[in-house]
């Protein structure tokens, strides 16, 4: 291949990129040198093509008479030399169209000949040849992200989880929130695939759990021409360090550098005004119960939604009914601080060996609206990170306290791992009232942009959802009032009125809802009328006992995956 052949085989996007890089690195002189190289290469190619054409045209006459090339061949060669150079390996659009027309003409001619032969054989019964043109398939090229500018951004998501099997996409689990999110991202040509998008999520919500404060970070296509920001020194830590002021060589604050940083930030904000409106693009492709509220430029490619999140806040909604809210708050206060929460989670010894977490706040709050037994409340829990099913386990125990079945001191007993190394058996609360309400980041890292039109449209959709559920709740209340107006049933043995049974106040939505009993749909599993104290119940195996029963192969797999030597950690407890 000649020195300039590779240039002719490049696309115009690739040539443009090469020219821009040469101009930035070596100046305009280098660009002119490239242009001259391309021009000389095209001329040399044209001359070679003309010589080859002349040789081909002269070959029949030369082989017959052995004389020089006749005048007509020379004329053809000169015309070929004057013609623009065409890469024969990659025909241009005009050549492709001519080939298609020639092919269509040949097909129609062959079809006409076959029809003529058929008419000769069958006479008048033969059908005339079809005059329809043959349709050619369009050459749909695959989307190539390299032709576009890219940037690292954060998306603020919200969704109702009652119709999905969790947030995280899994190969064997359909209908997850992430599955729909990536489907929309690919359809909008914002990413090529998940592996190359540097994707990170703030939280892994379980099946049925909703979110208002879910945040994901990823690299997407940008409308701007600016490149990605360079990798910064932001560590992948849960609490990133505060932004430091610029300093000069003497170690003193440099006001000029600070002003330059502020100018760059203002310029970036101005560019963001001309950026793609990511919420608008994605909300058109997402289901009605998944929506993007806003977006923000990430400070660097190292920024991750998971590791740079400082605080996560969950809410768990429930009806007050006859619960002792003061006792629940007293028990919730014992959760605040740094503790080992292995008795308040679903223990996964293959992926977690440290069960120490810190809870910043735990409050029982009343909602505005109805009062009395129909008073709506929620438990607010704030912390840096949480274990698997931790919030639902906390709520289940707090409900026992609110029902006056356990004292608030049971929280302290469950947190005392040395005294009680085994977890008592108890059911976890339902997932439906749980929502990831907020994810907080440092103000210097994330500044979300919210579009008023997008929020207004989403508010209308949420009002419709609220109206549907309010109507359904009012209909259920009407049926309850109808039943309450009827006289209670008389007990034949005592001739006394039997009062109606009320719903268990501890579990407004039972943890097993809507499971069936004995194949009867729509029936909720009945709970035992006699409560058994938590530490009088059967106990689960301790962490050390679970690790001690692991095979050598399983321990080696964990060591290869996480680098943990669990056998050495438990020491002599291993059997």
Protein backbone atom coordinates (compact mmCIF):
# COMPACT_ATOMS: atom_id res chain seq x y z
CA UNK A 1 0.00 0.00 0.00
CA UNK A 2 1.39 3.42 -0.93
CA UNK A 3 2.26 6.13 1.60
CA UNK A 4 -0.97 8.06 0.94
CA UNK A 5 -3.34 5.13 0.37
CA UNK A 6 -4.28 4.85 4.03
CA UNK A 7 -5.42 8.49 4.01
CA UNK A 8 -7.87 7.87 1.17
CA UNK A 9 -9.39 4.94 3.04
CA UNK A 10 -10.23 7.06 6.10
CA UNK A 11 -13.71 8.47 6.63
CA UNK A 12 -14.27 12.19 6.72
CA UNK A 13 -14.77 12.02 10.52
CA UNK A 14 -11.40 10.32 10.97
CA UNK A 15 -9.66 12.80 8.64
CA UNK A 16 -11.21 15.67 10.55
CA UNK A 17 -9.98 14.29 13.86
CA UNK A 18 -6.43 13.80 12.49
CA UNK A 19 -6.34 17.32 11.10
CA UNK A 20 -7.54 18.80 14.41
CA UNK A 21 -4.94 16.89 16.40
CA UNK A 22 -2.14 17.91 14.02
CA UNK A 23 -3.22 21.54 14.19
CA UNK A 24 -3.26 21.48 18.00
CA UNK A 25 0.10 19.72 18.29
CA UNK A 26 2.16 21.13 15.39
CA UNK A 27 0.29 24.13 14.02
CA UNK A 28 -1.16 24.95 10.63
CA UNK A 29 2.06 24.06 8.78
CA UNK A 30 1.57 20.41 9.61
CA UNK A 31 -2.01 20.60 8.30
CA UNK A 32 -0.80 22.08 5.02
CA UNK A 33 1.81 19.32 4.74
CA UNK A 34 -0.90 16.70 5.15
CA UNK A 35 -3.01 18.41 2.49
CA UNK A 36 -0.11 18.46 0.06
CA UNK A 37 0.57 14.78 0.78
CA UNK A 38 -3.04 13.91 0.04
CA UNK A 39 -2.98 15.96 -3.18
CA UNK A 40 0.26 14.41 -4.42
CA UNK A 41 -1.00 10.94 -3.52
CA UNK A 42 -4.21 11.54 -5.46
CA UNK A 43 -2.22 12.76 -8.49
CA UNK A 44 0.10 9.74 -8.40
CA UNK A 45 -2.90 7.43 -8.09
CA UNK A 46 -4.60 9.13 -11.04
CA UNK A 47 -1.49 8.74 -13.20
CA UNK A 48 -1.15 5.07 -12.25
CA UNK A 49 -4.84 4.51 -13.08
CA UNK A 50 -4.43 6.19 -16.46
CA UNK A 51 -1.38 4.07 -17.32
CA UNK A 52 -3.23 0.91 -16.32
CA UNK A 53 -6.24 1.93 -18.44
CA UNK A 54 -4.04 2.64 -21.48
CA UNK A 55 -2.26 -0.69 -21.08
CA UNK A 56 -5.55 -2.57 -20.84
CA UNK A 57 -7.01 -0.82 -23.87
CA UNK A 58 -3.90 -1.45 -25.96
CA UNK A 59 -3.52 -5.13 -25.09
CA UNK A 60 -5.90 -6.56 -27.79
CA UNK A 61 -4.40 -4.49 -30.62
CA UNK A 62 -0.83 -5.02 -29.41
CA UNK A 63 -1.28 -8.75 -29.22
CA UNK A 64 -2.72 -8.85 -32.74
CA UNK A 65 -0.38 -6.49 -34.63
CA UNK A 66 2.50 -5.89 -32.25
CA UNK A 67 2.32 -2.10 -32.96
CA UNK A 68 2.18 0.87 -30.50
CA UNK A 69 -1.01 1.94 -28.73
CA UNK A 70 -3.46 3.43 -31.23
CA UNK A 71 -4.73 6.98 -30.98
CA UNK A 72 -8.12 6.05 -29.52
CA UNK A 73 -6.48 4.25 -26.58
CA UNK A 74 -4.22 7.23 -25.93
CA UNK A 75 -7.24 9.48 -25.92
CA UNK A 76 -8.97 7.22 -23.37
CA UNK A 77 -5.87 7.21 -21.19
CA UNK A 78 -5.70 10.99 -21.26
CA UNK A 79 -9.37 11.20 -20.27
CA UNK A 80 -8.73 8.78 -17.42
CA UNK A 81 -5.80 10.91 -16.26
CA UNK A 82 -8.05 13.99 -16.21
CA UNK A 83 -10.77 12.13 -14.26
CA UNK A 84 -10.77 12.43 -10.43
CA UNK A 85 -9.10 9.62 -8.53
CA UNK A 86 -11.57 7.08 -7.15
CA UNK A 87 -10.74 4.49 -4.51
CA UNK A 88 -11.60 1.29 -6.34
CA UNK A 89 -11.70 -0.62 -3.09
CA UNK A 90 -14.47 1.62 -1.70
CA UNK A 91 -16.81 2.89 -4.48
CA UNK A 92 -18.47 6.26 -3.98
CA UNK A 93 -22.22 6.87 -3.82
CA UNK A 94 -22.55 7.61 -7.55
CA UNK A 95 -20.78 4.36 -8.42
CA UNK A 96 -23.01 2.43 -6.04
CA UNK A 97 -26.15 3.97 -7.53
CA UNK A 98 -24.97 3.15 -11.08
CA UNK A 99 -24.28 -0.45 -10.08
CA UNK A 100 -27.77 -0.70 -8.59
CA UNK A 101 -29.35 0.70 -11.78
CA UNK A 102 -27.35 -1.68 -13.96
CA UNK A 103 -28.35 -4.57 -11.73
CA UNK A 104 -32.02 -3.54 -11.85
CA UNK A 105 -31.83 -3.24 -15.66
CA UNK A 106 -30.30 -6.68 -16.02
CA UNK A 107 -32.92 -8.22 -13.75
CA UNK A 108 -35.76 -6.58 -15.69
CA UNK A 109 -34.24 -7.71 -19.03
CA UNK A 110 -33.88 -11.28 -17.79
CA UNK A 111 -37.42 -11.18 -16.37
CA UNK A 112 -38.73 -9.93 -19.74
CA UNK A 113 -36.94 -12.69 -21.66
CA UNK A 114 -38.37 -15.35 -19.33
CA UNK A 115 -41.85 -13.85 -19.72
CA UNK A 116 -41.48 -13.83 -23.50
CA UNK A 117 -40.51 -17.46 -23.51
CA UNK A 118 -43.51 -18.20 -21.32
CA UNK A 119 -45.83 -16.39 -23.72
CA UNK A 120 -44.48 -18.38 -26.61
CA UNK A 121 -45.25 -21.60 -24.76
CA UNK A 122 -48.58 -20.77 -23.14
CA UNK A 123 -50.01 -18.14 -25.47
CA UNK A 124 -52.56 -15.71 -24.09
CA UNK A 125 -52.63 -17.19 -20.57
CA UNK A 126 -49.15 -15.92 -19.75
CA UNK A 127 -48.85 -12.82 -17.48
CA UNK A 128 -46.82 -9.79 -18.57
CA UNK A 129 -43.53 -9.19 -16.82
CA UNK A 130 -43.59 -7.15 -13.63
CA UNK A 131 -42.47 -3.54 -13.91
CA UNK A 132 -41.74 -3.15 -10.17
CA UNK A 133 -38.24 -2.09 -9.25
CA UNK A 134 -36.19 -4.25 -6.95
CA UNK A 135 -35.84 -2.60 -3.53
CA UNK A 136 -32.36 -2.47 -2.11
CA UNK A 137 -31.72 -2.63 1.62
CA UNK A 138 -30.42 0.50 3.26
CA UNK A 139 -26.94 0.29 4.70
CA UNK A 140 -27.71 1.10 8.36
CA UNK A 141 -24.37 1.73 9.98
CA UNK A 142 -23.86 0.86 13.66
CA UNK A 143 -23.75 3.76 16.12
CA UNK A 144 -20.14 4.75 16.82
CA UNK A 145 -19.63 6.79 20.01
CA UNK A 146 -16.08 7.74 18.92
CA UNK A 147 -17.53 10.28 16.47
CA UNK A 148 -19.17 12.28 19.28
CA UNK A 149 -18.05 14.20 22.34
CA UNK A 150 -18.71 12.47 25.67
CA UNK A 151 -19.03 13.58 29.27
CA UNK A 152 -19.47 12.03 32.72
CA UNK A 153 -22.80 12.98 34.32
CA UNK A 154 -25.10 12.07 37.22
CA UNK A 155 -28.81 11.30 36.78
CA UNK A 156 -31.40 11.80 39.53
CA UNK A 157 -33.95 8.97 39.23
CA UNK A 158 -37.29 8.19 40.83
CA UNK A 159 -39.45 5.10 40.42
CA UNK A 160 -42.22 3.04 42.00
CA UNK A 161 -40.88 -0.43 42.66
CA UNK A 162 -44.14 -2.34 43.11
CA UNK A 163 -44.09 -3.42 39.46
CA UNK A 164 -40.41 -4.35 39.22
CA UNK A 165 -38.14 -7.05 40.53
CA UNK A 166 -35.63 -4.72 42.10
CA UNK A 167 -33.41 -1.98 40.74
CA UNK A 168 -30.30 -3.90 39.67
CA UNK A 169 -30.24 -5.66 36.31
CA UNK A 170 -29.53 -9.40 36.52
CA UNK A 171 -29.06 -11.90 33.69
CA UNK A 172 -31.77 -14.28 34.92
CA UNK A 173 -34.19 -11.70 36.37
CA UNK A 174 -36.43 -9.75 33.97
CA UNK A 175 -38.31 -6.50 34.62
CA UNK A 176 -35.78 -4.56 36.68
CA UNK A 177 -35.49 -0.78 36.74
CA UNK A 178 -31.93 -0.85 35.39
CA UNK A 179 -33.04 -3.01 32.47
CA UNK A 180 -35.48 -0.31 31.34
CA UNK A 181 -32.96 2.46 32.03
CA UNK A 182 -30.24 0.93 29.84
CA UNK A 183 -32.76 0.11 27.14
CA UNK A 184 -33.71 3.80 26.99
CA UNK A 185 -30.06 4.93 27.06
CA UNK A 186 -29.16 2.70 24.12
CA UNK A 187 -32.27 3.60 22.12
CA UNK A 188 -31.44 7.30 22.54
CA UNK A 189 -27.84 6.57 21.44
CA UNK A 190 -26.50 8.07 24.66
CA UNK A 191 -24.27 5.05 25.35
CA UNK A 192 -22.90 2.13 23.37
CA UNK A 193 -23.05 -0.47 26.15
CA UNK A 194 -22.93 -0.69 29.91
CA UNK A 195 -19.31 -1.87 30.12
CA UNK A 196 -17.93 1.24 28.42
CA UNK A 197 -20.15 3.77 30.22
CA UNK A 198 -18.33 3.77 33.61
CA UNK A 199 -21.69 3.15 35.28
CA UNK A 200 -22.20 3.41 39.05
CA UNK A 201 -25.38 3.42 41.17
CA UNK A 202 -26.00 4.87 44.61
CA UNK A 203 -28.21 2.13 46.08
CA UNK A 204 -29.40 -1.41 45.38
CA UNK A 205 -33.11 -1.38 46.18
CA UNK A 206 -34.79 -4.77 46.56
CA UNK A 207 -37.88 -6.16 44.87
CA UNK A 208 -40.86 -3.84 45.41
CA UNK A 209 -38.85 -1.01 47.00
CA UNK A 210 -39.34 2.46 45.51
CA UNK A 211 -36.96 5.42 45.25
CA UNK A 212 -37.13 9.17 45.06
CA UNK A 213 -33.41 9.81 45.58
CA UNK A 214 -31.70 7.22 43.40
CA UNK A 215 -28.56 8.58 41.68
CA UNK A 216 -26.49 6.95 38.93
CA UNK A 217 -23.34 8.21 37.22
CA UNK A 218 -22.21 7.26 33.72
CA UNK A 219 -20.47 8.56 30.60
CA UNK A 220 -22.89 9.59 27.83
CA UNK A 221 -22.95 11.29 24.46
CA UNK A 222 -22.74 15.07 24.56
CA UNK A 223 -23.86 17.76 22.14
CA UNK A 224 -20.91 19.93 23.08
CA UNK A 225 -17.52 19.79 21.38
CA UNK A 226 -15.55 19.91 24.65
CA UNK A 227 -13.72 16.71 25.64
CA UNK A 228 -14.11 14.74 28.84
CA UNK A 229 -12.58 16.33 31.95
CA UNK A 230 -9.25 14.91 32.96
CA UNK A 231 -9.16 12.37 35.79
CA UNK A 232 -8.93 14.24 39.08
CA UNK A 233 -7.64 13.25 42.47
CA UNK A 234 -11.08 12.64 43.98
CA UNK A 235 -10.67 9.34 45.86
CA UNK A 236 -13.19 6.55 45.69
CA UNK A 237 -14.20 7.03 49.30
CA UNK A 238 -17.52 7.32 51.04
CA UNK A 239 -16.69 10.84 52.27
CA UNK A 240 -14.61 12.74 49.71
CA UNK A 241 -12.32 15.47 51.10
CA UNK A 242 -13.43 19.12 50.88
CA UNK A 243 -12.25 21.24 48.01
CA UNK A 244 -8.90 22.95 48.74
CA UNK A 245 -8.00 26.48 47.74
CA UNK A 246 -5.32 26.96 45.14
CA UNK A 247 -1.87 27.87 46.49
CA UNK A 248 1.26 29.34 44.95
CA UNK A 249 4.83 28.08 45.30
CA UNK A 250 5.14 29.76 48.70
CA UNK A 251 2.16 27.90 50.08
CA UNK A 252 -0.03 31.01 50.26
CA UNK A 253 -3.54 31.16 48.78
CA UNK A 254 -3.47 32.16 45.13
CA UNK A 255 -6.40 34.44 44.38
CA UNK A 256 -5.67 34.48 40.64
CA UNK A 257 -5.90 30.69 40.40
CA UNK A 258 -9.13 30.73 42.40
CA UNK A 259 -10.54 33.33 40.02
CA UNK A 260 -9.48 31.21 37.04
CA UNK A 261 -11.28 28.21 38.54
CA UNK A 262 -14.42 30.31 39.02
CA UNK A 263 -14.22 31.53 35.42
CA UNK A 264 -13.88 27.95 34.17
CA UNK A 265 -16.87 26.91 36.27
CA UNK A 266 -18.99 29.73 34.83
CA UNK A 267 -17.95 28.77 31.31
CA UNK A 268 -18.93 25.16 31.98
CA UNK A 269 -22.30 26.30 33.30
CA UNK A 270 -22.83 28.33 30.14
CA UNK A 271 -22.03 25.26 28.02
CA UNK A 272 -24.48 23.15 30.03
CA UNK A 273 -27.29 25.45 28.90
CA UNK A 274 -26.67 24.22 25.34
CA UNK A 275 -26.32 20.57 26.34
CA UNK A 276 -28.75 17.77 25.59
CA UNK A 277 -31.74 17.77 27.93
CA UNK A 278 -31.17 14.26 29.24
CA UNK A 279 -34.38 14.06 31.35
CA UNK A 280 -36.53 15.01 28.35
CA UNK A 281 -34.79 12.49 26.09
CA UNK A 282 -35.02 9.59 28.55
CA UNK A 283 -38.50 10.21 29.97
CA UNK A 284 -39.95 9.78 26.48
CA UNK A 285 -38.55 6.24 26.39
CA UNK A 286 -39.06 5.12 30.01
CA UNK A 287 -42.22 3.57 31.51
CA UNK A 288 -44.66 5.87 33.32
CA UNK A 289 -43.47 4.75 36.79
CA UNK A 290 -39.76 5.39 36.09
CA UNK A 291 -38.60 8.94 35.46
CA UNK A 292 -35.48 11.09 35.41
CA UNK A 293 -35.92 14.19 37.55
CA UNK A 294 -32.66 15.98 36.78
CA UNK A 295 -29.02 15.69 35.78
CA UNK A 296 -25.68 17.19 36.81
CA UNK A 297 -22.16 17.27 35.35
CA UNK A 298 -19.82 15.02 37.32
CA UNK A 299 -16.63 16.69 38.56
CA UNK A 300 -14.46 13.99 36.96
CA UNK A 301 -14.50 10.52 35.46
CA UNK A 302 -13.44 9.16 38.86
CA UNK A 303 -16.69 10.35 40.49
CA UNK A 304 -19.00 7.44 41.38
CA UNK A 305 -22.55 7.62 42.66
CA UNK A 306 -21.93 4.81 45.13
CA UNK A 307 -18.60 5.67 46.78
CA UNK A 308 -18.97 9.46 46.78
CA UNK A 309 -22.40 9.42 48.44
CA UNK A 310 -22.20 10.81 51.99
CA UNK A 311 -25.67 10.01 53.38
CA UNK A 312 -28.62 7.87 52.33
CA UNK A 313 -32.09 8.45 53.78
CA UNK A 314 -34.88 5.85 53.78
CA UNK A 315 -38.53 6.23 54.75
CA UNK A 316 -40.93 3.48 55.77
CA UNK A 317 -44.65 4.47 55.74
CA UNK A 318 -47.31 2.93 58.00
CA UNK A 319 -50.64 3.69 59.69
CA UNK A 320 -50.55 4.62 63.36
CA UNK A 321 -53.67 2.69 64.43
CA UNK A 322 -53.06 1.63 68.04
CA UNK A 323 -49.25 1.57 67.91
CA UNK A 324 -47.33 3.14 70.79
CA UNK A 325 -45.40 5.73 68.80
CA UNK A 326 -43.54 7.03 71.86
CA UNK A 327 -42.18 3.56 72.66
CA UNK A 328 -41.16 3.14 69.03
CA UNK A 329 -39.26 6.43 69.14
CA UNK A 330 -37.53 5.40 72.37
CA UNK A 331 -36.40 2.16 70.73
CA UNK A 332 -35.35 3.99 67.55
CA UNK A 333 -33.06 6.26 69.57
CA UNK A 334 -31.02 3.19 70.59
CA UNK A 335 -30.23 2.53 66.91
CA UNK A 336 -28.38 5.82 66.46
CA UNK A 337 -24.60 5.50 66.38
CA UNK A 338 -22.06 2.95 65.18
CA UNK A 339 -23.12 -0.65 65.91
CA UNK A 340 -22.83 -4.19 64.64
CA UNK A 341 -26.18 -4.73 62.87
CA UNK A 342 -25.78 -8.41 61.99
CA UNK A 343 -29.02 -9.22 63.87
CA UNK A 344 -30.88 -6.59 61.81
CA UNK A 345 -30.14 -7.90 58.32
CA UNK A 346 -30.13 -10.94 56.09
CA UNK A 347 -26.64 -12.30 56.70
CA UNK A 348 -24.65 -12.97 53.52
CA UNK A 349 -21.33 -14.37 54.71
CA UNK A 350 -20.03 -14.93 51.17
CA UNK A 351 -20.09 -11.21 50.31
CA UNK A 352 -20.07 -9.37 53.67
CA UNK A 353 -17.83 -9.91 56.66
CA UNK A 354 -18.12 -6.50 58.31
CA UNK A 355 -21.59 -5.76 59.70
CA UNK A 356 -20.68 -2.51 61.44
CA UNK A 357 -22.66 0.47 60.17
CA UNK A 358 -23.41 3.96 61.42
CA UNK A 359 -26.93 5.41 61.68
CA UNK A 360 -27.06 9.18 61.91
CA UNK A 361 -30.77 9.54 62.76
CA UNK A 362 -33.88 7.40 63.34
CA UNK A 363 -37.20 9.20 63.83
CA UNK A 364 -40.90 8.30 63.91
CA UNK A 365 -42.72 11.18 62.17
CA UNK A 366 -46.43 11.82 61.67
CA UNK A 367 -47.66 12.85 58.24
CA UNK A 368 -50.12 15.68 57.66
CA UNK A 369 -53.69 14.61 57.00
CA UNK A 370 -55.89 12.13 58.81
CA UNK A 371 -55.70 11.69 62.57
CA UNK A 372 -56.42 8.94 65.04
CA UNK A 373 -56.18 5.33 63.92
CA UNK A 374 -55.87 6.41 60.27
CA UNK A 375 -52.95 8.73 60.99
CA UNK A 376 -50.16 8.08 58.49
CA UNK A 377 -46.60 7.98 59.82
CA UNK A 378 -43.15 7.08 58.57
CA UNK A 379 -39.88 5.96 60.07
CA UNK A 380 -36.97 8.06 58.81
CA UNK A 381 -33.53 6.43 58.94
CA UNK A 382 -30.34 8.21 57.80
CA UNK A 383 -26.94 6.55 57.44
CA UNK A 384 -23.89 6.30 55.24
CA UNK A 385 -24.58 2.71 54.13
CA UNK A 386 -26.95 -0.15 54.96
CA UNK A 387 -26.91 -3.94 54.96
CA UNK A 388 -29.19 -6.26 53.02
CA UNK A 389 -32.80 -5.90 54.32
CA UNK A 390 -31.53 -3.79 57.26
CA UNK A 391 -34.34 -1.21 57.18
CA UNK A 392 -37.07 -3.84 56.93
CA UNK A 393 -35.62 -5.77 59.87
CA UNK A 394 -35.44 -2.58 61.97
CA UNK A 395 -39.06 -1.77 61.16
CA UNK A 396 -40.22 -5.30 62.05
CA UNK A 397 -38.71 -5.10 65.55
CA UNK A 398 -39.97 -1.55 66.08
CA UNK A 399 -43.49 -2.72 65.21
CA UNK A 400 -43.23 -5.34 67.96
CA UNK A 401 -42.28 -2.57 70.38
CA UNK A 402 -45.14 -0.39 69.14
CA UNK A 403 -47.57 -3.26 69.72
CA UNK A 404 -46.30 -3.51 73.30
CA UNK A 405 -45.14 -7.09 72.63
CA UNK A 406 -41.48 -6.21 73.22
CA UNK A 407 -39.83 -3.53 75.35
CA UNK A 408 -37.59 -0.88 73.75
CA UNK A 409 -34.60 -2.53 75.49
CA UNK A 410 -34.82 -5.40 73.00
CA UNK A 411 -32.89 -3.16 70.58
CA UNK A 412 -29.91 -3.01 72.95
CA UNK A 413 -30.03 -6.78 73.42
CA UNK A 414 -29.96 -7.40 69.66
CA UNK A 415 -27.01 -5.03 69.27
CA UNK A 416 -24.99 -6.84 71.95
CA UNK A 417 -23.22 -9.41 69.77
CA UNK A 418 -20.92 -10.71 72.51
CA UNK A 419 -23.83 -11.56 74.80
CA UNK A 420 -26.16 -12.72 72.00
CA UNK A 421 -24.09 -14.03 69.08
CA UNK A 422 -27.14 -15.66 67.45
CA UNK A 423 -30.02 -13.87 65.82
CA UNK A 424 -33.57 -14.84 66.90
CA UNK A 425 -35.96 -15.86 64.13
CA UNK A 426 -38.45 -13.15 63.11
CA UNK A 427 -40.19 -12.00 59.92
CA UNK A 428 -39.09 -8.85 58.14
CA UNK A 429 -41.54 -6.09 57.27
CA UNK A 430 -43.05 -5.69 53.81
CA UNK A 431 -41.01 -4.04 51.08
CA UNK A 432 -43.85 -1.99 49.56
CA UNK A 433 -43.91 0.96 52.04
CA UNK A 434 -40.10 1.41 51.82
CA UNK A 435 -38.55 4.16 49.69
CA UNK A 436 -35.01 5.43 49.17
CA UNK A 437 -35.95 9.03 49.83
CA UNK A 438 -32.69 10.96 49.44
CA UNK A 439 -29.01 10.58 48.56
CA UNK A 440 -26.73 13.40 49.65
CA UNK A 441 -23.42 14.45 48.11
CA UNK A 442 -20.95 17.21 48.82
CA UNK A 443 -22.19 20.54 47.44
CA UNK A 444 -18.89 21.02 45.61
CA UNK A 445 -19.34 17.73 43.73
CA UNK A 446 -22.92 17.67 42.43
CA UNK A 447 -25.29 20.46 41.44
CA UNK A 448 -28.37 18.98 39.79
CA UNK A 449 -30.18 20.82 36.97
CA UNK A 450 -33.98 20.56 37.04
CA UNK A 451 -36.20 21.51 34.10
CA UNK A 452 -39.45 23.17 35.19
CA UNK A 453 -41.37 21.72 32.23
CA UNK A 454 -40.14 18.21 33.00
CA UNK A 455 -41.11 18.48 36.66
CA UNK A 456 -44.52 19.89 35.74
CA UNK A 457 -45.23 16.99 33.40
CA UNK A 458 -44.11 14.45 36.01
CA UNK A 459 -46.25 16.14 38.64
CA UNK A 460 -49.33 15.67 36.47
CA UNK A 461 -48.54 11.97 36.07
CA UNK A 462 -48.08 11.60 39.83
CA UNK A 463 -51.36 13.39 40.52
CA UNK A 464 -53.15 10.86 38.35
CA UNK A 465 -51.46 8.03 40.23
CA UNK A 466 -52.42 9.62 43.57
CA UNK A 467 -56.02 10.05 42.42
CA UNK A 468 -56.31 6.39 41.39
CA UNK A 469 -55.00 5.17 44.74
CA UNK A 470 -57.12 7.69 46.68
CA UNK A 471 -60.25 6.50 44.90
CA UNK A 472 -59.34 2.88 45.61
CA UNK A 473 -58.74 3.70 49.29
CA UNK A 474 -62.05 5.56 49.53
CA UNK A 475 -63.90 2.62 48.03
CA UNK A 476 -62.30 0.28 50.56
CA UNK A 477 -63.22 2.69 53.37
CA UNK A 478 -66.81 2.76 52.12
CA UNK A 479 -67.03 -1.03 52.33
CA UNK A 480 -65.57 -0.93 55.86
CA UNK A 481 -68.16 1.64 56.95
CA UNK A 482 -70.93 -0.46 55.43
CA UNK A 483 -69.79 -3.45 57.50
CA UNK A 484 -69.44 -1.35 60.66
CA UNK A 485 -73.08 -0.22 60.35
CA UNK A 486 -74.29 -3.80 60.47
CA UNK A 487 -75.01 -5.47 63.82
CA UNK A 488 -72.20 -7.76 65.07
CA UNK A 489 -72.87 -11.49 65.04
CA UNK A 490 -74.39 -13.04 68.19
CA UNK A 491 -72.63 -15.90 69.94
CA UNK A 492 -75.25 -18.65 70.34
CA UNK A 493 -73.64 -20.06 73.49
CA UNK A 494 -73.51 -16.79 75.42
CA UNK A 495 -76.11 -14.70 73.57
CA UNK A 496 -73.56 -11.85 73.50
CA UNK A 497 -72.41 -9.73 70.61
CA UNK A 498 -69.07 -10.66 69.12
CA UNK A 499 -67.06 -7.57 68.09
CA UNK A 500 -65.36 -7.43 64.73
CA UNK A 501 -61.69 -8.33 64.59
CA UNK A 502 -59.38 -5.52 63.55
CA UNK A 503 -56.32 -5.77 61.35
CA UNK A 504 -52.96 -6.42 62.99
CA UNK A 505 -51.60 -2.91 63.69
CA UNK A 506 -48.02 -4.14 63.56
CA UNK A 507 -48.13 -5.08 59.90
CA UNK A 508 -50.36 -2.71 57.88
CA UNK A 509 -49.16 -4.60 54.80
CA UNK A 510 -48.15 -8.10 55.94
CA UNK A 511 -44.70 -9.32 54.94
CA UNK A 512 -46.27 -12.32 53.19
CA UNK A 513 -48.83 -10.27 51.23
CA UNK A 514 -50.34 -11.39 48.87
CA UNK A 515 -49.45 -15.06 49.43
CA UNK A 516 -52.18 -17.72 49.49
CA UNK A 517 -53.14 -20.40 51.96
CA UNK A 518 -54.08 -23.91 50.83
CA UNK A 519 -54.40 -22.74 47.26
CA UNK A 520 -57.01 -20.08 48.09
CA UNK A 521 -56.07 -16.82 46.33
CA UNK A 522 -56.53 -13.48 48.00
CA UNK A 523 -56.23 -14.79 51.57
CA UNK A 524 -53.50 -13.48 53.84
CA UNK A 525 -51.62 -15.83 56.13
CA UNK A 526 -52.98 -15.67 59.68
CA UNK A 527 -50.56 -14.82 62.45
CA UNK A 528 -50.43 -16.64 65.75
CA UNK A 529 -52.56 -15.08 68.52
CA UNK A 530 -49.90 -15.75 71.14
CA UNK A 531 -46.70 -13.77 70.87
CA UNK A 532 -43.38 -15.45 71.67
CA UNK A 533 -40.62 -13.21 72.97
CA UNK A 534 -37.74 -12.78 70.54
CA UNK A 535 -35.09 -14.49 72.66
CA UNK A 536 -37.46 -17.35 73.46
CA UNK A 537 -37.65 -18.22 69.78
CA UNK A 538 -35.32 -20.49 67.80
CA UNK A 539 -31.96 -18.90 67.06
CA UNK A 540 -30.09 -18.72 63.75
CA UNK A 541 -26.49 -19.85 63.40
CA UNK A 542 -23.88 -17.27 64.30
CA UNK A 543 -21.48 -15.80 61.77
CA UNK A 544 -18.62 -17.96 63.04
CA UNK A 545 -20.74 -21.12 62.83
CA UNK A 546 -21.70 -20.38 59.24
CA UNK A 547 -18.11 -19.80 58.21
CA UNK A 548 -16.99 -22.89 60.13
CA UNK A 549 -19.25 -25.14 58.05
CA UNK A 550 -17.93 -23.86 54.74
CA UNK A 551 -15.93 -26.19 52.56
CA UNK A 552 -12.31 -25.50 51.69
CA UNK A 553 -13.32 -24.86 48.09
CA UNK A 554 -15.92 -22.28 49.12
CA UNK A 555 -13.40 -20.51 51.35
CA UNK A 556 -10.91 -20.44 48.51
CA UNK A 557 -13.52 -18.99 46.13
CA UNK A 558 -14.23 -16.21 48.62
CA UNK A 559 -10.52 -15.55 49.01
CA UNK A 560 -10.04 -15.36 45.25
CA UNK A 561 -13.01 -13.01 44.87
CA UNK A 562 -12.58 -10.67 47.85
CA UNK A 563 -9.13 -11.47 49.23
CA UNK A 564 -10.59 -12.54 52.61
CA UNK A 565 -9.05 -15.35 54.62
CA UNK A 566 -12.16 -16.24 56.63
CA UNK A 567 -10.59 -19.40 58.07
CA UNK A 568 -7.88 -17.33 59.73
CA UNK A 569 -10.38 -14.71 60.88
CA UNK A 570 -12.45 -17.15 62.95
CA UNK A 571 -9.34 -19.10 64.10
CA UNK A 572 -10.07 -22.07 66.29
CA UNK A 573 -13.84 -21.72 65.84
CA UNK A 574 -13.58 -23.41 62.47
CA UNK A 575 -14.59 -27.08 62.46
